[in-house]
PDB file of N, CA and C in Angstrom:
ATOM      1  N   MET A   1      11.729   2.371 -16.559  1.00  0.00           N
ATOM      2  CA  MET A   1      11.112   1.795 -15.381  1.00  0.00           C
ATOM      3  C   MET A   1      11.266   2.747 -14.200  1.00  0.00           C
ATOM      4  N   ILE A   2      10.195   2.959 -13.474  1.00  0.00           N
ATOM      5  CA  ILE A   2      10.181   3.894 -12.359  1.00  0.00           C
ATOM      6  C   ILE A   2      10.862   3.299 -11.130  1.00  0.00           C
ATOM      7  N   ASN A   3      10.486   2.065 -10.745  1.00  0.00           N
ATOM      8  CA  ASN A   3      11.034   1.373  -9.586  1.00  0.00           C
ATOM      9  C   ASN A   3      11.015   2.249  -8.333  1.00  0.00           C
ATOM     10  N   PHE A   4       9.893   2.852  -8.076  1.00  0.00           N
ATOM     11  CA  PHE A   4       9.685   3.750  -6.949  1.00  0.00           C
ATOM     12  C   PHE A   4       8.727   3.074  -5.976  1.00  0.00           C
ATOM     13  N   PRO A   5       9.074   2.954  -4.690  1.00  0.00           N
ATOM     14  CA  PRO A   5       8.217   2.216  -3.766  1.00  0.00           C
ATOM     15  C   PRO A   5       6.901   2.920  -3.442  1.00  0.00           C
ATOM     16  N   VAL A   6       5.825   2.140  -3.457  1.00  0.00           N
ATOM     17  CA  VAL A   6       4.488   2.617  -3.107  1.00  0.00           C
ATOM     18  C   VAL A   6       3.878   1.602  -2.153  1.00  0.00           C
ATOM     19  N   LEU A   7       3.236   2.091  -1.102  1.00  0.00           N
ATOM     20  CA  LEU A   7       2.568   1.213  -0.148  1.00  0.00           C
ATOM     21  C   LEU A   7       1.061   1.402  -0.266  1.00  0.00           C
ATOM     22  N   ILE A   8       0.344   0.316  -0.505  1.00  0.00           N
ATOM     23  CA  ILE A   8      -1.115   0.327  -0.564  1.00  0.00           C
ATOM     24  C   ILE A   8      -1.636  -0.122   0.794  1.00  0.00           C
ATOM     25  N   VAL A   9      -2.489   0.690   1.399  1.00  0.00           N
ATOM     26  CA  VAL A   9      -3.100   0.345   2.683  1.00  0.00           C
ATOM     27  C   VAL A   9      -4.605   0.291   2.470  1.00  0.00           C
ATOM     28  N   ASP A  10      -5.135  -0.926   2.419  1.00  0.00           N
ATOM     29  CA  ASP A  10      -6.566  -1.102   2.182  1.00  0.00           C
ATOM     30  C   ASP A  10      -6.974  -2.471   2.708  1.00  0.00           C
ATOM     31  N   ASP A  11      -8.121  -2.552   3.358  1.00  0.00           N
ATOM     32  CA  ASP A  11      -8.574  -3.823   3.913  1.00  0.00           C
ATOM     33  C   ASP A  11      -9.327  -4.675   2.899  1.00  0.00           C
ATOM     34  N   ASN A  12      -9.517  -4.170   1.698  1.00  0.00           N
ATOM     35  CA  ASN A  12     -10.229  -4.913   0.667  1.00  0.00           C
ATOM     36  C   ASN A  12      -9.208  -5.560  -0.273  1.00  0.00           C
ATOM     37  N   PRO A  13      -9.111  -6.903  -0.270  1.00  0.00           N
ATOM     38  CA  PRO A  13      -8.097  -7.563  -1.102  1.00  0.00           C
ATOM     39  C   PRO A  13      -8.292  -7.335  -2.603  1.00  0.00           C
ATOM     40  N   ILE A  14      -9.505  -7.113  -3.034  1.00  0.00           N
ATOM     41  CA  ILE A  14      -9.746  -6.851  -4.458  1.00  0.00           C
ATOM     42  C   ILE A  14      -9.153  -5.502  -4.853  1.00  0.00           C
ATOM     43  N   ILE A  15      -9.384  -4.488  -4.014  1.00  0.00           N
ATOM     44  CA  ILE A  15      -8.801  -3.159  -4.281  1.00  0.00           C
ATOM     45  C   ILE A  15      -7.277  -3.257  -4.268  1.00  0.00           C
ATOM     46  N   GLN A  16      -6.743  -3.960  -3.267  1.00  0.00           N
ATOM     47  CA  GLN A  16      -5.287  -4.136  -3.192  1.00  0.00           C
ATOM     48  C   GLN A  16      -4.746  -4.744  -4.478  1.00  0.00           C
ATOM     49  N   LYS A  17      -5.396  -5.796  -4.946  1.00  0.00           N
ATOM     50  CA  LYS A  17      -4.919  -6.492  -6.144  1.00  0.00           C
ATOM     51  C   LYS A  17      -5.005  -5.600  -7.380  1.00  0.00           C
ATOM     52  N   MET A  18      -6.133  -4.902  -7.541  1.00  0.00           N
ATOM     53  CA  MET A  18      -6.288  -4.019  -8.713  1.00  0.00           C
ATOM     54  C   MET A  18      -5.227  -2.915  -8.713  1.00  0.00           C
ATOM     55  N   MET A  19      -5.018  -2.301  -7.553  1.00  0.00           N
ATOM     56  CA  MET A  19      -4.020  -1.230  -7.473  1.00  0.00           C
ATOM     57  C   MET A  19      -2.613  -1.777  -7.667  1.00  0.00           C
ATOM     58  N   ASN A  20      -2.366  -2.961  -7.103  1.00  0.00           N
ATOM     59  CA  ASN A  20      -1.056  -3.577  -7.248  1.00  0.00           C
ATOM     60  C   ASN A  20      -0.749  -3.845  -8.718  1.00  0.00           C
ATOM     61  N   ILE A  21      -1.706  -4.407  -9.439  1.00  0.00           N
ATOM     62  CA  ILE A  21      -1.512  -4.696 -10.862  1.00  0.00           C
ATOM     63  C   ILE A  21      -1.253  -3.409 -11.644  1.00  0.00           C
ATOM     64  N   SER A  22      -2.086  -2.409 -11.421  1.00  0.00           N
ATOM     65  CA  SER A  22      -1.951  -1.145 -12.165  1.00  0.00           C
ATOM     66  C   SER A  22      -0.623  -0.461 -11.886  1.00  0.00           C
ATOM     67  N   LEU A  23      -0.265  -0.354 -10.617  1.00  0.00           N
ATOM     68  CA  LEU A  23       0.972   0.344 -10.261  1.00  0.00           C
ATOM     69  C   LEU A  23       2.208  -0.448 -10.674  1.00  0.00           C
ATOM     70  N   SER A  24       2.141  -1.775 -10.572  1.00  0.00           N
ATOM     71  CA  SER A  24       3.270  -2.607 -11.011  1.00  0.00           C
ATOM     72  C   SER A  24       3.495  -2.470 -12.510  1.00  0.00           C
ATOM     73  N   LYS A  25       2.404  -2.472 -13.278  1.00  0.00           N
ATOM     74  CA  LYS A  25       2.527  -2.291 -14.730  1.00  0.00           C
ATOM     75  C   LYS A  25       3.129  -0.941 -15.082  1.00  0.00           C
ATOM     76  N   ALA A  26       2.869   0.053 -14.233  1.00  0.00           N
ATOM     77  CA  ALA A  26       3.418   1.388 -14.465  1.00  0.00           C
ATOM     78  C   ALA A  26       4.874   1.482 -14.013  1.00  0.00           C
ATOM     79  N   GLY A  27       5.384   0.412 -13.396  1.00  0.00           N
ATOM     80  CA  GLY A  27       6.789   0.375 -13.023  1.00  0.00           C
ATOM     81  C   GLY A  27       7.084   0.661 -11.562  1.00  0.00           C
ATOM     82  N   TYR A  28       6.057   0.762 -10.752  1.00  0.00           N
ATOM     83  CA  TYR A  28       6.275   1.020  -9.327  1.00  0.00           C
ATOM     84  C   TYR A  28       6.570  -0.272  -8.579  1.00  0.00           C
ATOM     85  N   GLU A  29       7.332  -0.154  -7.517  1.00  0.00           N
ATOM     86  CA  GLU A  29       7.609  -1.264  -6.605  1.00  0.00           C
ATOM     87  C   GLU A  29       6.522  -1.241  -5.534  1.00  0.00           C
ATOM     88  N   VAL A  30       5.593  -2.179  -5.579  1.00  0.00           N
ATOM     89  CA  VAL A  30       4.376  -2.114  -4.774  1.00  0.00           C
ATOM     90  C   VAL A  30       4.418  -3.084  -3.593  1.00  0.00           C
ATOM     91  N   SER A  31       4.027  -2.571  -2.435  1.00  0.00           N
ATOM     92  CA  SER A  31       3.779  -3.386  -1.241  1.00  0.00           C
ATOM     93  C   SER A  31       2.359  -3.072  -0.807  1.00  0.00           C
ATOM     94  N   SER A  32       1.705  -4.024  -0.144  1.00  0.00           N
ATOM     95  CA  SER A  32       0.359  -3.737   0.339  1.00  0.00           C
ATOM     96  C   SER A  32       0.128  -4.382   1.695  1.00  0.00           C
ATOM     97  N   VAL A  33      -0.671  -3.697   2.494  1.00  0.00           N
ATOM     98  CA  VAL A  33      -1.076  -4.169   3.816  1.00  0.00           C
ATOM     99  C   VAL A  33      -2.544  -3.829   3.999  1.00  0.00           C
ATOM    100  N   GLU A  34      -3.174  -4.419   5.036  1.00  0.00           N
ATOM    101  CA  GLU A  34      -4.609  -4.205   5.184  1.00  0.00           C
ATOM    102  C   GLU A  34      -5.020  -3.262   6.300  1.00  0.00           C
ATOM    103  N   ASN A  35      -4.056  -2.753   7.092  1.00  0.00           N
ATOM    104  CA  ASN A  35      -4.449  -1.823   8.155  1.00  0.00           C
ATOM    105  C   ASN A  35      -3.296  -0.901   8.527  1.00  0.00           C
ATOM    106  N   GLY A  36      -3.628   0.097   9.331  1.00  0.00           N
ATOM    107  CA  GLY A  36      -2.642   1.094   9.722  1.00  0.00           C
ATOM    108  C   GLY A  36      -1.496   0.543  10.529  1.00  0.00           C
ATOM    109  N   ARG A  37      -1.784  -0.405  11.401  1.00  0.00           N
ATOM    110  CA  ARG A  37      -0.727  -1.003  12.224  1.00  0.00           C
ATOM    111  C   ARG A  37       0.311  -1.697  11.346  1.00  0.00           C
ATOM    112  N   ASP A  38      -0.154  -2.476  10.373  1.00  0.00           N
ATOM    113  CA  ASP A  38       0.774  -3.152   9.463  1.00  0.00           C
ATOM    114  C   ASP A  38       1.517  -2.145   8.582  1.00  0.00           C
ATOM    115  N   ALA A  39       0.858  -1.047   8.244  1.00  0.00           N
ATOM    116  CA  ALA A  39       1.512  -0.002   7.443  1.00  0.00           C
ATOM    117  C   ALA A  39       2.692   0.585   8.208  1.00  0.00           C
ATOM    118  N   LEU A  40       2.509   0.836   9.493  1.00  0.00           N
ATOM    119  CA  LEU A  40       3.606   1.371  10.306  1.00  0.00           C
ATOM    120  C   LEU A  40       4.762   0.385  10.385  1.00  0.00           C
ATOM    121  N   ARG A  41       4.449  -0.894  10.468  1.00  0.00           N
ATOM    122  CA  ARG A  41       5.514  -1.913  10.467  1.00  0.00           C
ATOM    123  C   ARG A  41       6.280  -1.901   9.140  1.00  0.00           C
ATOM    124  N   LYS A  42       5.535  -1.771   8.042  1.00  0.00           N
ATOM    125  CA  LYS A  42       6.178  -1.718   6.718  1.00  0.00           C
ATOM    126  C   LYS A  42       7.097  -0.507   6.605  1.00  0.00           C
ATOM    127  N   PHE A  43       6.646   0.629   7.149  1.00  0.00           N
ATOM    128  CA  PHE A  43       7.484   1.824   7.123  1.00  0.00           C
ATOM    129  C   PHE A  43       8.764   1.602   7.923  1.00  0.00           C
ATOM    130  N   ASP A  44       8.687   0.811   8.993  1.00  0.00           N
ATOM    131  CA  ASP A  44       9.892   0.494   9.765  1.00  0.00           C
ATOM    132  C   ASP A  44      10.855  -0.365   8.955  1.00  0.00           C
ATOM    133  N   GLU A  45      10.313  -1.256   8.123  1.00  0.00           N
ATOM    134  CA  GLU A  45      11.145  -2.133   7.294  1.00  0.00           C
ATOM    135  C   GLU A  45      11.787  -1.373   6.139  1.00  0.00           C
ATOM    136  N   LYS A  46      10.995  -0.528   5.493  1.00  0.00           N
ATOM    137  CA  LYS A  46      11.471   0.194   4.308  1.00  0.00           C
ATOM    138  C   LYS A  46      10.655   1.463   4.148  1.00  0.00           C
ATOM    139  N   PHE A  47      11.348   2.534   3.868  1.00  0.00           N
ATOM    140  CA  PHE A  47      10.665   3.808   3.661  1.00  0.00           C
ATOM    141  C   PHE A  47       9.866   3.775   2.367  1.00  0.00           C
ATOM    142  N   HIS A  48       8.604   4.147   2.448  1.00  0.00           N
ATOM    143  CA  HIS A  48       7.733   4.253   1.280  1.00  0.00           C
ATOM    144  C   HIS A  48       7.300   5.713   1.159  1.00  0.00           C
ATOM    145  N   PRO A  49       7.920   6.471   0.275  1.00  0.00           N
ATOM    146  CA  PRO A  49       7.575   7.890   0.171  1.00  0.00           C
ATOM    147  C   PRO A  49       6.160   8.127  -0.351  1.00  0.00           C
ATOM    148  N   ASN A  50       5.559   7.133  -0.933  1.00  0.00           N
ATOM    149  CA  ASN A  50       4.188   7.248  -1.439  1.00  0.00           C
ATOM    150  C   ASN A  50       3.349   6.107  -0.907  1.00  0.00           C
ATOM    151  N   PHE A  51       2.108   6.423  -0.555  1.00  0.00           N
ATOM    152  CA  PHE A  51       1.201   5.371  -0.138  1.00  0.00           C
ATOM    153  C   PHE A  51      -0.222   5.774  -0.465  1.00  0.00           C
ATOM    154  N   THR A  52      -1.065   4.776  -0.570  1.00  0.00           N
ATOM    155  CA  THR A  52      -2.485   5.018  -0.759  1.00  0.00           C
ATOM    156  C   THR A  52      -3.206   4.408   0.424  1.00  0.00           C
ATOM    157  N   ASN A  53      -4.298   5.009   0.802  1.00  0.00           N
ATOM    158  CA  ASN A  53      -5.059   4.548   1.955  1.00  0.00           C
ATOM    159  C   ASN A  53      -6.492   4.990   1.781  1.00  0.00           C
ATOM    160  N   HIS A  54      -7.409   4.211   2.327  1.00  0.00           N
ATOM    161  CA  HIS A  54      -8.785   4.697   2.361  1.00  0.00           C
ATOM    162  C   HIS A  54      -9.201   4.739   3.819  1.00  0.00           C
ATOM    163  N   PHE A  55      -9.855   5.800   4.197  1.00  0.00           N
ATOM    164  CA  PHE A  55     -10.173   6.086   5.587  1.00  0.00           C
ATOM    165  C   PHE A  55     -11.651   5.871   5.881  1.00  0.00           C
ATOM    166  N   ASN A  56     -12.235   4.862   5.286  1.00  0.00           N
ATOM    167  CA  ASN A  56     -13.669   4.666   5.402  1.00  0.00           C
ATOM    168  C   ASN A  56     -14.048   3.637   6.468  1.00  0.00           C
ATOM    169  N   LYS A  57     -13.141   3.364   7.389  1.00  0.00           N
ATOM    170  CA  LYS A  57     -13.491   2.420   8.439  1.00  0.00           C
ATOM    171  C   LYS A  57     -12.918   2.891   9.767  1.00  0.00           C
ATOM    172  N   GLY A  58     -13.535   2.478  10.846  1.00  0.00           N
ATOM    173  CA  GLY A  58     -13.059   2.831  12.171  1.00  0.00           C
ATOM    174  C   GLY A  58     -12.325   1.666  12.778  1.00  0.00           C
ATOM    175  N   GLY A  59     -11.940   1.821  14.014  1.00  0.00           N
ATOM    176  CA  GLY A  59     -11.302   0.714  14.716  1.00  0.00           C
ATOM    177  C   GLY A  59      -9.813   0.853  14.791  1.00  0.00           C
ATOM    178  N   GLU A  60      -9.099   0.125  13.966  1.00  0.00           N
ATOM    179  CA  GLU A  60      -7.640   0.091  14.046  1.00  0.00           C
ATOM    180  C   GLU A  60      -7.031   1.393  13.566  1.00  0.00           C
ATOM    181  N   PRO A  61      -5.874   1.721  14.148  1.00  0.00           N
ATOM    182  CA  PRO A  61      -5.167   2.947  13.709  1.00  0.00           C
ATOM    183  C   PRO A  61      -4.602   2.793  12.316  1.00  0.00           C
TER     184      PRO A  61
END
């Protein structure tokens, strides 16, 4: 088991769920948020050395 933290940052709940399922099955400890602001809060709570993000929207940081 990997048990390595990964943070998913995506505003699409379907993408979040698919990535969460795949990464969890691979043994990663997965957290997910829907925007950059929430991602920064998550980083304050716990360091996530790996994260995924899609940059296809404007607006929030």
